[in-house]
Amino acid sequence: MPIDLYYVPGSAPCRGVQLAAALVGVELNLKHTDLMKGEHMTPEFIKMNPQHTVPTIDDNGFYLHESRAIITYLFNKYGKEDSQYPKDAEKRAIVDQRLYFDMGTLYQRFGDYFYPTIFGGQPADPEKLKKLEEALGYFDKMLEGSEYAAGSSITLADASLAASISTIDVVGIVDLSKYQNITSWFNKCKAALPDYEEANNKGALAFKALTDHLSKKA
């Protein structure tokens, strides 16, 4: 049975799960969740996820939320290629570090800068932009001498980070060409991640369309 994924197409964390699922070879039953209509606030949804956030999965009655937890769960239950999430403790730790960096630093700083402006109508904060650029500098340094985010093979970390970087890229708030290692890595990911167009790029473009619309209304 396919795993139900409750998602919003424009959401980078949701797209990270979709990319990881395609990489691992897991079929998802996509369930678009309209947040504007409160579909994440129903008793049925809150039973699955008390935080009422997306992405959320239902794997035959097993409920899980938080995208990076979902990503590693998909591999731990269904993965076959050791290189995607190595058993070796040190190699796996690097993948985990990249996932946590994405969640707690890179994507967090993007949200801290961009979301109050585009969704809250607040003035852009140049200090928060500097913090985002600092995080991009950190990631660029991590990629020195590395084909992918955590070494010479594509891993779960690349799925999550590609969703975040594509979101930063598509809204155009930072010139990513300044970060040569990120640019090279991102081009490799677009070619190497299975189903990249359907699993990520279409959603990223939908996010851009939404934010462009909101910018015109402001």
Protein backbone atom coordinates (compact mmCIF):
# COMPACT_ATOMS: atom_id res chain seq x y z
CA MET A 1 0.00 0.00 0.00
CA PRO A 2 1.32 3.47 -0.83
CA ILE A 3 2.08 5.77 2.08
CA ASP A 4 -0.31 8.69 2.45
CA LEU A 5 1.54 12.01 2.42
CA TYR A 6 -0.45 15.01 3.59
CA TYR A 7 1.31 17.91 1.94
CA VAL A 8 1.27 21.36 0.35
CA PRO A 9 2.99 21.46 -3.07
CA GLY A 10 4.90 24.68 -2.39
CA SER A 11 6.29 23.57 0.96
CA ALA A 12 10.03 22.85 0.90
CA PRO A 13 9.81 20.29 3.76
CA CYS A 14 7.05 18.47 1.88
CA ARG A 15 9.12 18.47 -1.29
CA GLY A 16 12.11 17.16 0.63
CA VAL A 17 10.01 14.16 1.66
CA GLN A 18 8.87 13.64 -1.93
CA LEU A 19 12.45 13.73 -3.21
CA ALA A 20 13.60 11.32 -0.50
CA ALA A 21 10.74 8.93 -1.24
CA ALA A 22 11.65 8.91 -4.93
CA LEU A 23 15.30 8.31 -4.04
CA VAL A 24 14.45 5.41 -1.72
CA GLY A 25 11.85 4.01 -4.13
CA VAL A 26 8.78 4.49 -1.95
CA GLU A 27 5.38 5.16 -3.52
CA LEU A 28 3.43 8.04 -2.01
CA ASN A 29 -0.29 8.68 -2.15
CA LEU A 30 -0.30 12.47 -2.25
CA LYS A 31 -3.07 14.13 -0.25
CA HIS A 32 -3.14 17.86 -0.87
CA THR A 33 -4.02 19.57 2.40
CA ASP A 34 -5.64 22.98 2.02
CA LEU A 35 -4.41 24.99 5.00
CA MET A 36 -6.58 27.97 4.05
CA LYS A 37 -9.66 25.78 4.44
CA GLY A 38 -8.41 24.41 7.75
CA GLU A 39 -8.04 20.84 6.53
CA HIS A 40 -5.10 20.45 8.93
CA MET A 41 -7.30 21.40 11.90
CA THR A 42 -9.88 18.63 11.65
CA PRO A 43 -10.14 16.08 14.50
CA GLU A 44 -8.96 13.38 12.08
CA PHE A 45 -5.82 15.29 11.16
CA ILE A 46 -5.02 16.32 14.73
CA LYS A 47 -5.27 12.66 15.74
CA MET A 48 -2.41 11.97 13.33
CA ASN A 49 -0.45 15.11 14.18
CA PRO A 50 -1.25 17.22 17.27
CA GLN A 51 0.94 20.00 15.82
CA HIS A 52 -1.34 20.03 12.74
CA THR A 53 1.58 20.62 10.36
CA VAL A 54 2.58 19.30 6.97
CA PRO A 55 4.21 17.10 5.90
CA THR A 56 2.52 14.28 7.78
CA ILE A 57 2.48 10.63 6.73
CA ASP A 58 0.13 7.77 7.42
CA ASP A 59 1.92 4.48 6.76
CA ASN A 60 -0.84 1.94 7.31
CA GLY A 61 -1.81 3.51 10.64
CA PHE A 62 1.66 4.69 11.65
CA TYR A 63 1.62 8.47 11.80
CA LEU A 64 4.70 10.65 11.62
CA HIS A 65 5.44 14.33 11.09
CA GLU A 66 8.57 16.52 10.86
CA SER A 67 10.08 16.15 7.41
CA ARG A 68 13.59 15.03 8.35
CA ALA A 69 12.20 12.36 10.68
CA ILE A 70 9.95 11.15 7.85
CA ILE A 71 12.91 11.10 5.45
CA THR A 72 15.03 8.86 7.67
CA TYR A 73 12.02 6.67 8.55
CA LEU A 74 11.36 5.99 4.88
CA PHE A 75 14.90 4.73 4.46
CA ASN A 76 15.02 2.81 7.74
CA LYS A 77 11.88 0.89 6.81
CA TYR A 78 12.11 0.63 3.04
CA GLY A 79 15.63 1.59 1.92
CA LYS A 80 17.89 -0.86 0.14
CA GLU A 81 20.88 1.21 -1.00
CA ASP A 82 23.27 1.58 1.95
CA SER A 83 24.97 4.56 0.31
CA GLN A 84 21.80 6.64 0.68
CA TYR A 85 21.98 6.46 4.50
CA PRO A 86 25.11 4.50 5.42
CA LYS A 87 25.20 2.04 8.30
CA ASP A 88 28.75 3.16 9.13
CA ALA A 89 28.38 5.37 12.21
CA GLU A 90 30.67 8.14 11.04
CA LYS A 91 29.24 8.33 7.52
CA ARG A 92 25.67 8.29 8.84
CA ALA A 93 26.54 11.01 11.34
CA ILE A 94 27.58 13.29 8.48
CA VAL A 95 24.24 12.71 6.73
CA ASP A 96 22.42 13.43 10.00
CA GLN A 97 24.47 16.58 10.56
CA ARG A 98 23.54 17.87 7.12
CA LEU A 99 19.86 17.13 7.77
CA TYR A 100 19.95 18.93 11.11
CA PHE A 101 21.88 21.83 9.59
CA ASP A 102 19.21 22.13 6.92
CA MET A 103 16.39 22.12 9.47
CA GLY A 104 17.92 24.20 12.24
CA THR A 105 20.16 26.64 10.39
CA LEU A 106 19.72 26.94 6.62
CA TYR A 107 15.97 26.59 6.16
CA GLN A 108 15.33 28.19 9.55
CA ARG A 109 17.23 31.32 8.55
CA PHE A 110 15.47 31.45 5.20
CA GLY A 111 12.12 31.35 6.98
CA ASP A 112 13.20 33.90 9.57
CA TYR A 113 14.07 36.35 6.81
CA PHE A 114 11.50 35.66 4.10
CA TYR A 115 8.26 34.62 5.80
CA PRO A 116 7.61 37.69 7.98
CA THR A 117 7.99 39.86 4.87
CA ILE A 118 5.99 37.85 2.36
CA PHE A 119 3.29 36.49 4.67
CA GLY A 120 3.28 39.14 7.42
CA GLY A 121 3.88 42.31 5.43
CA GLN A 122 6.83 43.30 7.60
CA PRO A 123 9.82 45.23 6.22
CA ALA A 124 12.75 43.08 5.13
CA ASP A 125 15.37 42.77 7.85
CA PRO A 126 18.89 43.12 6.38
CA GLU A 127 20.43 41.50 9.46
CA LYS A 128 18.36 38.37 8.91
CA LEU A 129 19.42 38.33 5.28
CA LYS A 130 23.05 38.42 6.44
CA LYS A 131 22.35 35.42 8.69
CA LEU A 132 20.90 33.52 5.73
CA GLU A 133 23.92 34.38 3.60
CA GLU A 134 26.16 33.24 6.45
CA ALA A 135 24.36 29.87 6.48
CA LEU A 136 24.82 29.55 2.73
CA GLY A 137 28.52 30.26 3.25
CA TYR A 138 28.67 27.46 5.82
CA PHE A 139 27.05 25.04 3.38
CA ASP A 140 29.33 26.13 0.55
CA LYS A 141 32.32 25.34 2.79
CA MET A 142 30.89 21.93 3.72
CA LEU A 143 30.74 21.08 0.02
CA GLU A 144 34.44 21.73 -0.63
CA GLY A 145 35.93 18.65 -2.28
CA SER A 146 32.61 16.79 -2.04
CA GLU A 147 30.40 15.58 -4.87
CA TYR A 148 27.27 15.63 -2.76
CA ALA A 149 26.18 17.02 0.59
CA ALA A 150 27.66 14.19 2.65
CA GLY A 151 30.37 12.74 0.43
CA SER A 152 30.82 11.09 -2.96
CA SER A 153 27.35 9.47 -3.09
CA ILE A 154 23.90 10.99 -3.12
CA THR A 155 22.14 10.62 0.23
CA LEU A 156 18.96 11.56 2.07
CA ALA A 157 20.64 14.84 2.99
CA ASP A 158 20.73 15.90 -0.65
CA ALA A 159 16.97 15.43 -0.96
CA SER A 160 16.24 17.70 1.98
CA LEU A 161 18.85 20.32 1.13
CA ALA A 162 17.88 20.42 -2.55
CA ALA A 163 14.31 21.29 -1.58
CA SER A 164 15.55 24.13 0.62
CA ILE A 165 18.09 25.49 -1.85
CA SER A 166 15.61 25.36 -4.72
CA THR A 167 13.21 27.45 -2.64
CA ILE A 168 15.86 30.06 -1.86
CA ASP A 169 16.87 30.04 -5.51
CA VAL A 170 13.41 30.38 -7.02
CA VAL A 171 12.37 33.42 -4.98
CA GLY A 172 15.61 35.20 -5.94
CA ILE A 173 16.47 36.77 -2.60
CA VAL A 174 20.11 35.62 -2.81
CA ASP A 175 22.38 35.31 -5.83
CA LEU A 176 23.42 31.68 -5.49
CA SER A 177 26.05 32.06 -8.20
CA LYS A 178 28.23 33.62 -5.48
CA TYR A 179 28.48 30.15 -3.95
CA GLN A 180 30.32 28.06 -6.52
CA ASN A 181 30.22 24.80 -4.56
CA ILE A 182 26.48 25.11 -3.94
CA THR A 183 25.85 25.91 -7.60
CA SER A 184 27.83 22.88 -8.77
CA TRP A 185 26.21 20.60 -6.18
CA PHE A 186 22.69 21.85 -6.97
CA ASN A 187 23.12 21.15 -10.69
CA LYS A 188 24.26 17.61 -9.87
CA CYS A 189 21.25 17.10 -7.60
CA LYS A 190 18.81 18.22 -10.28
CA ALA A 191 20.25 15.57 -12.59
CA ALA A 192 20.74 12.79 -10.02
CA LEU A 193 17.66 12.96 -7.78
CA PRO A 194 14.92 10.74 -9.24
CA ASP A 195 11.72 12.47 -10.34
CA TYR A 196 13.19 15.90 -9.56
CA GLU A 197 10.77 17.79 -11.79
CA GLU A 198 7.57 16.29 -10.38
CA ALA A 199 8.75 15.83 -6.80
CA ASN A 200 10.35 19.25 -6.37
CA ASN A 201 10.59 21.71 -9.22
CA LYS A 202 6.86 22.03 -9.92
CA GLY A 203 6.22 22.72 -6.25
CA ALA A 204 9.03 25.25 -6.09
CA LEU A 205 7.52 27.11 -9.04
CA ALA A 206 4.12 27.01 -7.31
CA PHE A 207 5.72 28.58 -4.24
CA LYS A 208 7.22 31.31 -6.41
CA ALA A 209 3.84 31.99 -8.03
CA LEU A 210 2.23 32.32 -4.60
CA THR A 211 4.90 34.66 -3.25
CA ASP A 212 4.85 36.76 -6.44
CA HIS A 213 1.07 37.13 -6.04
CA LEU A 214 1.41 38.14 -2.42
CA SER A 215 4.14 40.66 -3.30
CA LYS A 216 1.84 42.35 -5.84
CA LYS A 217 -0.96 42.59 -3.27
CA ALA A 218 1.29 44.23 -0.67
